[in-house]
All heavy atoms as atom14 arrays in JSON, in Angstrom:
{
  "sequence": "ADNEPSSEVAEFSRAIGFADALLDRLRNTSA",
  "atom14_mask": [
    [1, 1, 1, 1, 1, 0, 0, 0, 0, 0, 0, 0, 0, 0],
    [1, 1, 1, 1, 1, 1, 1, 1, 0, 0, 0, 0, 0, 0],
    [1, 1, 1, 1, 1, 1, 1, 1, 0, 0, 0, 0, 0, 0],
    [1, 1, 1, 1, 1, 1, 1, 1, 1, 0, 0, 0, 0, 0],
    [1, 1, 1, 1, 1, 1, 1, 0, 0, 0, 0, 0, 0, 0],
    [1, 1, 1, 1, 1, 1, 0, 0, 0, 0, 0, 0, 0, 0],
    [1, 1, 1, 1, 1, 1, 0, 0, 0, 0, 0, 0, 0, 0],
    [1, 1, 1, 1, 1, 1, 1, 1, 1, 0, 0, 0, 0, 0],
    [1, 1, 1, 1, 1, 1, 1, 0, 0, 0, 0, 0, 0, 0],
    [1, 1, 1, 1, 1, 0, 0, 0, 0, 0, 0, 0, 0, 0],
    [1, 1, 1, 1, 1, 1, 1, 1, 1, 0, 0, 0, 0, 0],
    [1, 1, 1, 1, 1, 1, 1, 1, 1, 1, 1, 0, 0, 0],
    [1, 1, 1, 1, 1, 1, 0, 0, 0, 0, 0, 0, 0, 0],
    [1, 1, 1, 1, 1, 1, 1, 1, 1, 1, 1, 0, 0, 0],
    [1, 1, 1, 1, 1, 0, 0, 0, 0, 0, 0, 0, 0, 0],
    [1, 1, 1, 1, 1, 1, 1, 1, 0, 0, 0, 0, 0, 0],
    [1, 1, 1, 1, 0, 0, 0, 0, 0, 0, 0, 0, 0, 0],
    [1, 1, 1, 1, 1, 1, 1, 1, 1, 1, 1, 0, 0, 0],
    [1, 1, 1, 1, 1, 0, 0, 0, 0, 0, 0, 0, 0, 0],
    [1, 1, 1, 1, 1, 1, 1, 1, 0, 0, 0, 0, 0, 0],
    [1, 1, 1, 1, 1, 0, 0, 0, 0, 0, 0, 0, 0, 0],
    [1, 1, 1, 1, 1, 1, 1, 1, 0, 0, 0, 0, 0, 0],
    [1, 1, 1, 1, 1, 1, 1, 1, 0, 0, 0, 0, 0, 0],
    [1, 1, 1, 1, 1, 1, 1, 1, 0, 0, 0, 0, 0, 0],
    [1, 1, 1, 1, 1, 1, 1, 1, 1, 1, 1, 0, 0, 0],
    [1, 1, 1, 1, 1, 1, 1, 1, 0, 0, 0, 0, 0, 0],
    [1, 1, 1, 1, 1, 1, 1, 1, 1, 1, 1, 0, 0, 0],
    [1, 1, 1, 1, 1, 1, 1, 1, 0, 0, 0, 0, 0, 0],
    [1, 1, 1, 1, 1, 1, 1, 0, 0, 0, 0, 0, 0, 0],
    [1, 1, 1, 1, 1, 1, 0, 0, 0, 0, 0, 0, 0, 0],
    [1, 1, 1, 1, 1, 0, 0, 0, 0, 0, 0, 0, 0, 0]
  ],
  "atom14_positions": [
    [[-4.38, -13.47, 0.19], [-2.99, -13.91, 0.01], [-2.43, -14.57, 1.25], [-1.39, -15.22, 1.2], [-2.12, -12.72, -0.38], [0.0, 0.0, 0.0], [0.0, 0.0, 0.0], [0.0, 0.0, 0.0], [0.0, 0.0, 0.0], [0.0, 0.0, 0.0], [0.0, 0.0, 0.0], [0.0, 0.0, 0.0], [0.0, 0.0, 0.0], [0.0, 0.0, 0.0]],
    [[-3.13, -14.43, 2.37], [-2.66, -15.01, 3.63], [-2.47, -16.52, 3.51], [-1.62, -17.1, 4.17], [-3.65, -14.68, 4.75], [-3.06, -14.93, 6.12], [-1.83, -14.75, 6.29], [-3.82, -15.3, 7.03], [0.0, 0.0, 0.0], [0.0, 0.0, 0.0], [0.0, 0.0, 0.0], [0.0, 0.0, 0.0], [0.0, 0.0, 0.0], [0.0, 0.0, 0.0]],
    [[-3.24, -17.15, 2.66], [-3.14, -18.59, 2.47], [-2.21, -18.98, 1.33], [-2.03, -20.15, 1.05], [-4.53, -19.19, 2.23], [-5.43, -18.99, 3.42], [-4.98, -19.02, 4.55], [-6.72, -18.77, 3.17], [0.0, 0.0, 0.0], [0.0, 0.0, 0.0], [0.0, 0.0, 0.0], [0.0, 0.0, 0.0], [0.0, 0.0, 0.0], [0.0, 0.0, 0.0]],
    [[-1.64, -18.0, 0.66], [-0.74, -18.25, -0.46], [0.56, -17.48, -0.25], [0.68, -16.33, -0.69], [-1.39, -17.81, -1.77], [-2.68, -18.53, -2.07], [-3.33, -17.99, -3.33], [-2.61, -17.62, -4.27], [-4.57, -17.92, -3.34], [0.0, 0.0, 0.0], [0.0, 0.0, 0.0], [0.0, 0.0, 0.0], [0.0, 0.0, 0.0], [0.0, 0.0, 0.0]],
    [[1.54, -18.08, 0.39], [2.78, -17.37, 0.7], [3.47, -16.78, -0.53], [4.12, -15.75, -0.44], [3.66, -18.45, 1.35], [2.7, -19.45, 1.87], [1.53, -19.43, 0.92], [0.0, 0.0, 0.0], [0.0, 0.0, 0.0], [0.0, 0.0, 0.0], [0.0, 0.0, 0.0], [0.0, 0.0, 0.0], [0.0, 0.0, 0.0], [0.0, 0.0, 0.0]],
    [[3.29, -17.39, -1.68], [3.96, -16.88, -2.88], [3.43, -15.51, -3.3], [4.16, -14.71, -3.88], [3.8, -17.87, -4.04], [2.43, -18.04, -4.35], [0.0, 0.0, 0.0], [0.0, 0.0, 0.0], [0.0, 0.0, 0.0], [0.0, 0.0, 0.0], [0.0, 0.0, 0.0], [0.0, 0.0, 0.0], [0.0, 0.0, 0.0], [0.0, 0.0, 0.0]],
    [[2.18, -15.21, -3.0], [1.63, -13.91, -3.38], [1.57, -12.93, -2.22], [1.19, -11.78, -2.39], [0.23, -14.08, -3.99], [-0.65, -14.59, -3.02], [0.0, 0.0, 0.0], [0.0, 0.0, 0.0], [0.0, 0.0, 0.0], [0.0, 0.0, 0.0], [0.0, 0.0, 0.0], [0.0, 0.0, 0.0], [0.0, 0.0, 0.0], [0.0, 0.0, 0.0]],
    [[1.98, -13.39, -1.03], [1.9, -12.54, 0.16], [2.73, -11.26, 0.01], [2.25, -10.17, 0.3], [2.37, -13.33, 1.37], [2.17, -12.64, 2.69], [2.59, -13.53, 3.84], [3.81, -13.76, 4.0], [1.69, -13.99, 4.56], [0.0, 0.0, 0.0], [0.0, 0.0, 0.0], [0.0, 0.0, 0.0], [0.0, 0.0, 0.0], [0.0, 0.0, 0.0]],
    [[3.96, -11.37, -0.46], [4.82, -10.19, -0.61], [4.23, -9.22, -1.63], [4.19, -8.01, -1.4], [6.26, -10.6, -1.02], [7.08, -9.38, -1.42], [6.94, -11.35, 0.11], [0.0, 0.0, 0.0], [0.0, 0.0, 0.0], [0.0, 0.0, 0.0], [0.0, 0.0, 0.0], [0.0, 0.0, 0.0], [0.0, 0.0, 0.0], [0.0, 0.0, 0.0]],
    [[3.72, -9.75, -2.72], [3.14, -8.88, -3.75], [1.93, -8.12, -3.21], [1.8, -6.92, -3.45], [2.74, -9.71, -4.97], [0.0, 0.0, 0.0], [0.0, 0.0, 0.0], [0.0, 0.0, 0.0], [0.0, 0.0, 0.0], [0.0, 0.0, 0.0], [0.0, 0.0, 0.0], [0.0, 0.0, 0.0], [0.0, 0.0, 0.0], [0.0, 0.0, 0.0]],
    [[1.07, -8.8, -2.48], [-0.14, -8.14, -1.97], [0.18, -7.13, -0.88], [-0.42, -6.05, -0.84], [-1.16, -9.17, -1.5], [-1.71, -10.04, -2.61], [-2.26, -9.27, -3.8], [-2.78, -8.15, -3.63], [-2.16, -9.79, -4.92], [0.0, 0.0, 0.0], [0.0, 0.0, 0.0], [0.0, 0.0, 0.0], [0.0, 0.0, 0.0], [0.0, 0.0, 0.0]],
    [[1.13, -7.45, -0.01], [1.52, -6.47, 1.0], [2.21, -5.27, 0.33], [2.01, -4.13, 0.74], [2.42, -7.09, 2.07], [1.64, -7.76, 3.16], [1.6, -9.14, 3.26], [0.94, -7.01, 4.1], [0.87, -9.76, 4.26], [0.21, -7.62, 5.11], [0.18, -9.0, 5.18], [0.0, 0.0, 0.0], [0.0, 0.0, 0.0], [0.0, 0.0, 0.0]],
    [[2.99, -5.52, -0.69], [3.64, -4.43, -1.42], [2.6, -3.53, -2.08], [2.72, -2.3, -2.07], [4.58, -5.0, -2.49], [5.62, -5.74, -1.9], [0.0, 0.0, 0.0], [0.0, 0.0, 0.0], [0.0, 0.0, 0.0], [0.0, 0.0, 0.0], [0.0, 0.0, 0.0], [0.0, 0.0, 0.0], [0.0, 0.0, 0.0], [0.0, 0.0, 0.0]],
    [[1.56, -4.15, -2.64], [0.47, -3.39, -3.25], [-0.23, -2.53, -2.19], [-0.54, -1.36, -2.41], [-0.51, -4.34, -3.92], [-1.56, -3.66, -4.77], [-2.39, -4.66, -5.57], [-1.63, -5.17, -6.71], [-1.17, -6.41, -6.82], [-1.4, -7.3, -5.88], [-0.49, -6.78, -7.88], [0.0, 0.0, 0.0], [0.0, 0.0, 0.0], [0.0, 0.0, 0.0]],
    [[-0.46, -3.1, -1.0], [-1.1, -2.35, 0.08], [-0.24, -1.18, 0.53], [-0.75, -0.08, 0.8], [-1.4, -3.28, 1.25], [0.0, 0.0, 0.0], [0.0, 0.0, 0.0], [0.0, 0.0, 0.0], [0.0, 0.0, 0.0], [0.0, 0.0, 0.0], [0.0, 0.0, 0.0], [0.0, 0.0, 0.0], [0.0, 0.0, 0.0], [0.0, 0.0, 0.0]],
    [[1.07, -1.37, 0.6], [1.97, -0.28, 0.99], [1.95, 0.81, -0.06], [1.93, 2.0, 0.26], [3.41, -0.82, 1.21], [3.45, -1.77, 2.39], [4.4, 0.32, 1.38], [3.06, -1.16, 3.72], [0.0, 0.0, 0.0], [0.0, 0.0, 0.0], [0.0, 0.0, 0.0], [0.0, 0.0, 0.0], [0.0, 0.0, 0.0], [0.0, 0.0, 0.0]],
    [[1.93, 0.44, -1.32], [1.84, 1.45, -2.4], [0.56, 2.25, -2.3], [0.56, 3.48, -2.47], [0.0, 0.0, 0.0], [0.0, 0.0, 0.0], [0.0, 0.0, 0.0], [0.0, 0.0, 0.0], [0.0, 0.0, 0.0], [0.0, 0.0, 0.0], [0.0, 0.0, 0.0], [0.0, 0.0, 0.0], [0.0, 0.0, 0.0], [0.0, 0.0, 0.0]],
    [[-0.55, 1.57, -2.03], [-1.84, 2.23, -1.87], [-1.78, 3.22, -0.71], [-2.18, 4.38, -0.83], [-2.92, 1.17, -1.62], [-4.32, 1.71, -1.55], [-5.12, 1.74, -2.68], [-4.85, 2.16, -0.35], [-6.43, 2.22, -2.61], [-6.15, 2.64, -0.27], [-6.94, 2.67, -1.41], [0.0, 0.0, 0.0], [0.0, 0.0, 0.0], [0.0, 0.0, 0.0]],
    [[-1.23, 2.78, 0.42], [-1.15, 3.63, 1.6], [-0.23, 4.83, 1.37], [-0.53, 5.94, 1.79], [-0.67, 2.82, 2.8], [0.0, 0.0, 0.0], [0.0, 0.0, 0.0], [0.0, 0.0, 0.0], [0.0, 0.0, 0.0], [0.0, 0.0, 0.0], [0.0, 0.0, 0.0], [0.0, 0.0, 0.0], [0.0, 0.0, 0.0], [0.0, 0.0, 0.0]],
    [[0.89, 4.6, 0.7], [1.8, 5.71, 0.41], [1.14, 6.76, -0.49], [1.31, 7.96, -0.28], [3.08, 5.21, -0.25], [4.14, 4.78, 0.74], [3.96, 5.0, 1.95], [5.16, 4.22, 0.3], [0.0, 0.0, 0.0], [0.0, 0.0, 0.0], [0.0, 0.0, 0.0], [0.0, 0.0, 0.0], [0.0, 0.0, 0.0], [0.0, 0.0, 0.0]],
    [[0.39, 6.3, -1.47], [-0.31, 7.25, -2.35], [-1.33, 8.05, -1.56], [-1.48, 9.27, -1.76], [-0.99, 6.5, -3.51], [0.0, 0.0, 0.0], [0.0, 0.0, 0.0], [0.0, 0.0, 0.0], [0.0, 0.0, 0.0], [0.0, 0.0, 0.0], [0.0, 0.0, 0.0], [0.0, 0.0, 0.0], [0.0, 0.0, 0.0], [0.0, 0.0, 0.0]],
    [[-2.04, 7.4, -0.64], [-3.0, 8.09, 0.22], [-2.29, 9.13, 1.08], [-2.73, 10.29, 1.16], [-3.74, 7.09, 1.11], [-4.58, 7.68, 2.24], [-5.7, 8.55, 1.68], [-5.14, 6.58, 3.11], [0.0, 0.0, 0.0], [0.0, 0.0, 0.0], [0.0, 0.0, 0.0], [0.0, 0.0, 0.0], [0.0, 0.0, 0.0], [0.0, 0.0, 0.0]],
    [[-1.19, 8.75, 1.71], [-0.46, 9.69, 2.55], [0.09, 10.87, 1.74], [0.06, 12.01, 2.2], [0.67, 8.97, 3.28], [0.21, 7.99, 4.36], [1.38, 7.18, 4.89], [-0.51, 8.71, 5.47], [0.0, 0.0, 0.0], [0.0, 0.0, 0.0], [0.0, 0.0, 0.0], [0.0, 0.0, 0.0], [0.0, 0.0, 0.0], [0.0, 0.0, 0.0]],
    [[0.58, 10.58, 0.54], [1.06, 11.67, -0.32], [-0.06, 12.66, -0.62], [0.13, 13.87, -0.59], [1.63, 11.13, -1.64], [2.97, 10.45, -1.46], [3.6, 10.62, -0.38], [3.4, 9.76, -2.4], [0.0, 0.0, 0.0], [0.0, 0.0, 0.0], [0.0, 0.0, 0.0], [0.0, 0.0, 0.0], [0.0, 0.0, 0.0], [0.0, 0.0, 0.0]],
    [[-1.24, 12.13, -0.92], [-2.39, 13.0, -1.22], [-2.76, 13.84, -0.01], [-3.01, 15.03, -0.11], [-3.57, 12.14, -1.66], [-4.86, 12.9, -1.94], [-4.89, 13.62, -3.28], [-4.58, 12.78, -4.39], [-5.44, 12.04, -5.08], [-6.72, 12.05, -4.74], [-5.04, 11.3, -6.09], [0.0, 0.0, 0.0], [0.0, 0.0, 0.0], [0.0, 0.0, 0.0]],
    [[-2.76, 13.23, 1.17], [-3.1, 13.97, 2.39], [-2.06, 15.04, 2.68], [-2.42, 16.16, 3.07], [-3.2, 13.01, 3.58], [-4.4, 12.07, 3.56], [-4.28, 11.06, 4.69], [-5.7, 12.83, 3.65], [0.0, 0.0, 0.0], [0.0, 0.0, 0.0], [0.0, 0.0, 0.0], [0.0, 0.0, 0.0], [0.0, 0.0, 0.0], [0.0, 0.0, 0.0]],
    [[-0.8, 14.72, 2.49], [0.25, 15.71, 2.73], [0.11, 16.89, 1.77], [0.25, 18.04, 2.17], [1.62, 15.07, 2.54], [2.04, 14.18, 3.66], [3.45, 13.65, 3.41], [3.73, 12.56, 4.3], [3.93, 11.3, 3.91], [3.93, 10.98, 2.64], [4.17, 10.36, 4.8], [0.0, 0.0, 0.0], [0.0, 0.0, 0.0], [0.0, 0.0, 0.0]],
    [[-0.15, 16.61, 0.53], [-0.23, 17.67, -0.47], [-1.46, 18.54, -0.32], [-1.43, 19.71, -0.64], [-0.18, 17.07, -1.88], [1.17, 16.48, -2.21], [2.18, 16.88, -1.64], [1.2, 15.51, -3.1], [0.0, 0.0, 0.0], [0.0, 0.0, 0.0], [0.0, 0.0, 0.0], [0.0, 0.0, 0.0], [0.0, 0.0, 0.0], [0.0, 0.0, 0.0]],
    [[-2.56, 17.97, 0.14], [-3.78, 18.75, 0.25], [-3.91, 19.45, 1.59], [-4.7, 20.37, 1.73], [-5.04, 17.9, 0.02], [-5.05, 16.84, 0.95], [-5.08, 17.37, -1.39], [0.0, 0.0, 0.0], [0.0, 0.0, 0.0], [0.0, 0.0, 0.0], [0.0, 0.0, 0.0], [0.0, 0.0, 0.0], [0.0, 0.0, 0.0], [0.0, 0.0, 0.0]],
    [[-3.12, 19.03, 2.58], [-3.25, 19.64, 3.89], [-2.34, 20.84, 4.08], [-2.5, 21.59, 5.03], [-2.99, 18.61, 5.0], [-1.64, 18.2, 4.96], [0.0, 0.0, 0.0], [0.0, 0.0, 0.0], [0.0, 0.0, 0.0], [0.0, 0.0, 0.0], [0.0, 0.0, 0.0], [0.0, 0.0, 0.0], [0.0, 0.0, 0.0], [0.0, 0.0, 0.0]],
    [[-1.42, 21.03, 3.18], [-0.5, 22.16, 3.3], [-1.14, 23.4, 2.69], [-1.4, 23.46, 1.49], [0.81, 21.84, 2.59], [0.0, 0.0, 0.0], [0.0, 0.0, 0.0], [0.0, 0.0, 0.0], [0.0, 0.0, 0.0], [0.0, 0.0, 0.0], [0.0, 0.0, 0.0], [0.0, 0.0, 0.0], [0.0, 0.0, 0.0], [0.0, 0.0, 0.0]]
  ]
}
């Protein structure tokens, strides 16, 4: 998406969602 500004926000948003889900899983399993 780096070469396509129109999809850049969508792809970064998708990456943030992926990372948030990972962090949620780590928080829930580490307690």
